[in-house]
Every structure is written in structure tokens, then in C-alpha cells.
Amino acid sequence: MGASVLDETWYLAYTGTVPGHDPQLLKGVLSILLLRLLVDRESYGYELVQQLAAAGLPDVLEGTVYPALARLEREGWVATHLVRSSAGPARKYYRLTADGHAHLMEASEAWRSFVAVVDDVLHAPTPVAPEPGA
């Protein structure tokens, strides 16, 4: 994928060095983050939460991820299966479908275009503010 869409997404959605990030930014990209994490291998919900936290998104909780995964499943972008666990109830594993992969590619391109526009605006020269009383 070249420059990782996740790198760009995490930078805009949240950076550990900027306190008070806007959770609404993440809300708009959580689905493509989850799809991207599922490209490499299937995973279960809590593991996805841990991967997001390790990537710099510690505020993303299971209560946010599981509804997003349910939406992705309803859309047909992920498929699921249960795997028995010796340490408790069976785990629900999620894997990317062909439609999910196609959607990820489209959404990633749309995100990159959006990032480019936002980046252009944010990097435009800032005019000098007028002196008070001027």
C-alpha cells in the first residue's frame, strides 16, 4: 500500500503527543482501520482493540469496536466464525471478505484524497493577525 493508510489515519485521528484529540475523527475512520487490520490475518474483537491501542489509540474500547465489527459483518465486509477457547467462551473471529477488501481499497483511496485536502489547508501560509486596535 505504499505509505500506510493506517499511519495517516492514526496521525489525524489521534496522536499520543496531542492531548484532547477529537474522538469524532476516529469515529469516521474506525471501519477502515478495522478492515485494514484484518487484511493480514483474522482476529477477534479484543485482539483488534489491543492492536489499536498498540498503534497509539488507547482510548478505543471494546464497546466501540464490537458495534463497528457488527456493522462490517452486516455490510458483508467481514465474515465470522467461532473458535473454542479453553479459557472461557468461544471467541468470534473476524476475517476480511473479498467485498471487504474491495471496500477497503476504495475507502483508503477516498481517505488519502481527504487527507491531501486537509493537509493542503493546514499547511497553507497563515496570515499575520492584525495588531489589537488596528
C-alpha atoms as a PDB file:
ATOM      1  CA  MET A   1       0.000   0.000   0.000  1.00  0.00           C
ATOM      2  CA  GLY A   2       2.964   2.354  -0.028  1.00  0.00           C
ATOM      3  CA  ALA A   3       2.583   4.851   2.775  1.00  0.00           C
ATOM      4  CA  SER A   4       0.269   3.076   5.134  1.00  0.00           C
ATOM      5  CA  VAL A   5      -3.242   4.422   5.291  1.00  0.00           C
ATOM      6  CA  LEU A   6      -3.135   3.437   8.940  1.00  0.00           C
ATOM      7  CA  ASP A   7      -0.175   5.728   9.554  1.00  0.00           C
ATOM      8  CA  GLU A   8      -2.057   8.643   8.024  1.00  0.00           C
ATOM      9  CA  THR A   9      -5.280   7.742   9.809  1.00  0.00           C
ATOM     10  CA  TRP A  10      -3.709   7.387  13.216  1.00  0.00           C
ATOM     11  CA  TYR A  11      -1.839  10.649  12.773  1.00  0.00           C
ATOM     12  CA  LEU A  12      -5.029  12.533  12.052  1.00  0.00           C
ATOM     13  CA  ALA A  13      -7.344  10.596  14.345  1.00  0.00           C
ATOM     14  CA  TYR A  14      -5.081  10.651  17.365  1.00  0.00           C
ATOM     15  CA  THR A  15      -1.512  11.278  18.290  1.00  0.00           C
ATOM     16  CA  GLY A  16      -0.152  10.485  21.708  1.00  0.00           C
ATOM     17  CA  THR A  17       1.563  13.875  21.804  1.00  0.00           C
ATOM     18  CA  VAL A  18      -1.572  15.936  21.312  1.00  0.00           C
ATOM     19  CA  PRO A  19      -3.837  15.883  24.356  1.00  0.00           C
ATOM     20  CA  GLY A  20      -7.557  16.238  23.851  1.00  0.00           C
ATOM     21  CA  HIS A  21      -7.877  14.502  20.477  1.00  0.00           C
ATOM     22  CA  ASP A  22     -11.267  14.674  18.821  1.00  0.00           C
ATOM     23  CA  PRO A  23     -12.962  11.270  19.062  1.00  0.00           C
ATOM     24  CA  GLN A  24     -15.212  12.231  16.150  1.00  0.00           C
ATOM     25  CA  LEU A  25     -12.204  11.969  13.809  1.00  0.00           C
ATOM     26  CA  LEU A  26     -11.662   8.371  14.835  1.00  0.00           C
ATOM     27  CA  LYS A  27     -15.353   7.558  14.619  1.00  0.00           C
ATOM     28  CA  GLY A  28     -15.293   8.363  10.920  1.00  0.00           C
ATOM     29  CA  VAL A  29     -12.350   6.060  10.144  1.00  0.00           C
ATOM     30  CA  LEU A  30     -12.718   3.191  12.609  1.00  0.00           C
ATOM     31  CA  SER A  31     -14.270   0.902   9.993  1.00  0.00           C
ATOM     32  CA  ILE A  32     -11.380   1.238   7.577  1.00  0.00           C
ATOM     33  CA  LEU A  33      -8.897   0.809  10.424  1.00  0.00           C
ATOM     34  CA  LEU A  34     -10.554  -2.456  11.393  1.00  0.00           C
ATOM     35  CA  LEU A  35     -10.699  -3.662   7.794  1.00  0.00           C
ATOM     36  CA  ARG A  36      -7.019  -2.839   7.353  1.00  0.00           C
ATOM     37  CA  LEU A  37      -6.062  -4.731  10.499  1.00  0.00           C
ATOM     38  CA  LEU A  38      -7.904  -7.769   9.123  1.00  0.00           C
ATOM     39  CA  VAL A  39      -6.011  -7.759   5.807  1.00  0.00           C
ATOM     40  CA  ASP A  40      -3.051  -9.647   7.236  1.00  0.00           C
ATOM     41  CA  ARG A  41      -4.930 -12.198   9.328  1.00  0.00           C
ATOM     42  CA  GLU A  42      -8.224 -12.937  11.006  1.00  0.00           C
ATOM     43  CA  SER A  43      -8.637 -11.714  14.549  1.00  0.00           C
ATOM     44  CA  TYR A  44     -11.109 -11.450  17.411  1.00  0.00           C
ATOM     45  CA  GLY A  45     -12.513  -8.229  18.829  1.00  0.00           C
ATOM     46  CA  TYR A  46     -10.390  -7.828  21.926  1.00  0.00           C
ATOM     47  CA  GLU A  47      -7.238  -8.532  19.935  1.00  0.00           C
ATOM     48  CA  LEU A  48      -8.223  -5.757  17.500  1.00  0.00           C
ATOM     49  CA  VAL A  49      -8.698  -3.388  20.449  1.00  0.00           C
ATOM     50  CA  GLN A  50      -5.184  -4.298  21.638  1.00  0.00           C
ATOM     51  CA  GLN A  51      -3.743  -3.714  18.159  1.00  0.00           C
ATOM     52  CA  LEU A  52      -5.365  -0.282  18.006  1.00  0.00           C
ATOM     53  CA  ALA A  53      -4.011   0.560  21.464  1.00  0.00           C
ATOM     54  CA  ALA A  54      -0.514  -0.590  20.496  1.00  0.00           C
ATOM     55  CA  ALA A  55      -0.705   1.626  17.414  1.00  0.00           C
ATOM     56  CA  GLY A  56      -1.430   4.699  19.551  1.00  0.00           C
ATOM     57  CA  LEU A  57      -5.196   4.591  20.049  1.00  0.00           C
ATOM     58  CA  PRO A  58      -5.561   3.545  23.699  1.00  0.00           C
ATOM     59  CA  ASP A  59      -8.960   5.222  24.049  1.00  0.00           C
ATOM     60  CA  VAL A  60     -10.676   2.859  21.603  1.00  0.00           C
ATOM     61  CA  LEU A  61     -12.655   0.464  23.759  1.00  0.00           C
ATOM     62  CA  GLU A  62     -14.417  -2.825  23.121  1.00  0.00           C
ATOM     63  CA  GLY A  63     -17.753  -1.019  23.395  1.00  0.00           C
ATOM     64  CA  THR A  64     -16.779   0.957  20.283  1.00  0.00           C
ATOM     65  CA  VAL A  65     -15.111  -1.836  18.319  1.00  0.00           C
ATOM     66  CA  TYR A  66     -17.772  -4.538  18.647  1.00  0.00           C
ATOM     67  CA  PRO A  67     -20.626  -2.439  17.208  1.00  0.00           C
ATOM     68  CA  ALA A  68     -18.324  -1.396  14.349  1.00  0.00           C
ATOM     69  CA  LEU A  69     -17.480  -5.050  13.671  1.00  0.00           C
ATOM     70  CA  ALA A  70     -21.198  -5.917  13.689  1.00  0.00           C
ATOM     71  CA  ARG A  71     -21.786  -3.198  11.056  1.00  0.00           C
ATOM     72  CA  LEU A  72     -18.936  -4.548   8.937  1.00  0.00           C
ATOM     73  CA  GLU A  73     -20.457  -8.018   9.161  1.00  0.00           C
ATOM     74  CA  ARG A  74     -23.922  -6.732   8.164  1.00  0.00           C
ATOM     75  CA  GLU A  75     -22.340  -4.995   5.167  1.00  0.00           C
ATOM     76  CA  GLY A  76     -20.708  -8.276   4.138  1.00  0.00           C
ATOM     77  CA  TRP A  77     -17.214  -6.826   4.507  1.00  0.00           C
ATOM     78  CA  VAL A  78     -16.177  -9.303   7.195  1.00  0.00           C
ATOM     79  CA  ALA A  79     -17.171 -12.907   7.859  1.00  0.00           C
ATOM     80  CA  THR A  80     -17.068 -14.585  11.242  1.00  0.00           C
ATOM     81  CA  HIS A  81     -16.620 -17.977  12.825  1.00  0.00           C
ATOM     82  CA  LEU A  82     -16.402 -19.193  16.399  1.00  0.00           C
ATOM     83  CA  VAL A  83     -13.294 -20.840  17.826  1.00  0.00           C
ATOM     84  CA  ARG A  84     -13.453 -22.758  21.076  1.00  0.00           C
ATOM     85  CA  SER A  85     -11.369 -21.420  23.913  1.00  0.00           C
ATOM     86  CA  SER A  86     -10.057 -23.400  26.866  1.00  0.00           C
ATOM     87  CA  ALA A  87     -10.128 -20.212  28.943  1.00  0.00           C
ATOM     88  CA  GLY A  88     -13.820 -19.347  28.576  1.00  0.00           C
ATOM     89  CA  PRO A  89     -16.495 -18.971  25.934  1.00  0.00           C
ATOM     90  CA  ALA A  90     -15.753 -19.422  22.254  1.00  0.00           C
ATOM     91  CA  ARG A  91     -14.166 -16.441  20.518  1.00  0.00           C
ATOM     92  CA  LYS A  92     -15.729 -14.854  17.482  1.00  0.00           C
ATOM     93  CA  TYR A  93     -13.061 -14.375  14.818  1.00  0.00           C
ATOM     94  CA  TYR A  94     -13.440 -11.864  12.009  1.00  0.00           C
ATOM     95  CA  ARG A  95     -11.864 -12.140   8.575  1.00  0.00           C
ATOM     96  CA  LEU A  96     -11.943  -9.818   5.606  1.00  0.00           C
ATOM     97  CA  THR A  97     -14.151 -10.847   2.675  1.00  0.00           C
ATOM     98  CA  ALA A  98     -13.467 -10.094  -0.983  1.00  0.00           C
ATOM     99  CA  ASP A  99     -16.124  -7.348  -0.822  1.00  0.00           C
ATOM    100  CA  GLY A 100     -14.465  -6.035   2.330  1.00  0.00           C
ATOM    101  CA  HIS A 101     -11.116  -5.902   0.603  1.00  0.00           C
ATOM    102  CA  ALA A 102     -12.624  -4.014  -2.353  1.00  0.00           C
ATOM    103  CA  HIS A 103     -14.317  -1.591   0.037  1.00  0.00           C
ATOM    104  CA  LEU A 104     -11.064  -1.093   1.929  1.00  0.00           C
ATOM    105  CA  MET A 105      -9.254  -0.187  -1.289  1.00  0.00           C
ATOM    106  CA  GLU A 106     -11.971   2.341  -2.229  1.00  0.00           C
ATOM    107  CA  ALA A 107     -12.196   3.784   1.278  1.00  0.00           C
ATOM    108  CA  SER A 108      -8.395   4.010   1.546  1.00  0.00           C
ATOM    109  CA  GLU A 109      -8.203   5.997  -1.684  1.00  0.00           C
ATOM    110  CA  ALA A 110     -11.019   8.288  -0.533  1.00  0.00           C
ATOM    111  CA  TRP A 111      -9.204   8.755   2.794  1.00  0.00           C
ATOM    112  CA  ARG A 112      -5.920   9.601   1.078  1.00  0.00           C
ATOM    113  CA  SER A 113      -7.697  12.210  -1.057  1.00  0.00           C
ATOM    114  CA  PHE A 114      -9.335  13.673   2.037  1.00  0.00           C
ATOM    115  CA  VAL A 115      -6.017  13.722   3.912  1.00  0.00           C
ATOM    116  CA  ALA A 116      -4.371  15.540   0.988  1.00  0.00           C
ATOM    117  CA  VAL A 117      -7.029  18.261   1.016  1.00  0.00           C
ATOM    118  CA  VAL A 118      -6.866  18.688   4.787  1.00  0.00           C
ATOM    119  CA  ASP A 119      -3.068  18.700   4.677  1.00  0.00           C
ATOM    120  CA  ASP A 120      -3.068  21.400   1.972  1.00  0.00           C
ATOM    121  CA  VAL A 121      -5.371  23.585   4.042  1.00  0.00           C
ATOM    122  CA  LEU A 122      -3.411  23.057   7.255  1.00  0.00           C
ATOM    123  CA  HIS A 123      -0.101  23.826   5.568  1.00  0.00           C
ATOM    124  CA  ALA A 124      -1.284  26.978   3.790  1.00  0.00           C
ATOM    125  CA  PRO A 125       0.561  30.087   4.951  1.00  0.00           C
ATOM    126  CA  THR A 126      -1.105  31.614   7.957  1.00  0.00           C
ATOM    127  CA  PRO A 127      -1.679  35.353   7.587  1.00  0.00           C
ATOM    128  CA  VAL A 128      -0.295  37.537  10.321  1.00  0.00           C
ATOM    129  CA  ALA A 129      -3.028  38.570  12.743  1.00  0.00           C
ATOM    130  CA  PRO A 130      -3.674  42.314  12.865  1.00  0.00           C
ATOM    131  CA  GLU A 131      -2.450  44.194  15.922  1.00  0.00           C
ATOM    132  CA  PRO A 132      -5.164  44.769  18.558  1.00  0.00           C
ATOM    133  CA  GLY A 133      -6.873  48.074  17.963  1.00  0.00           C
ATOM    134  CA  ALA A 134      -5.670  48.300  14.388  1.00  0.00           C
END
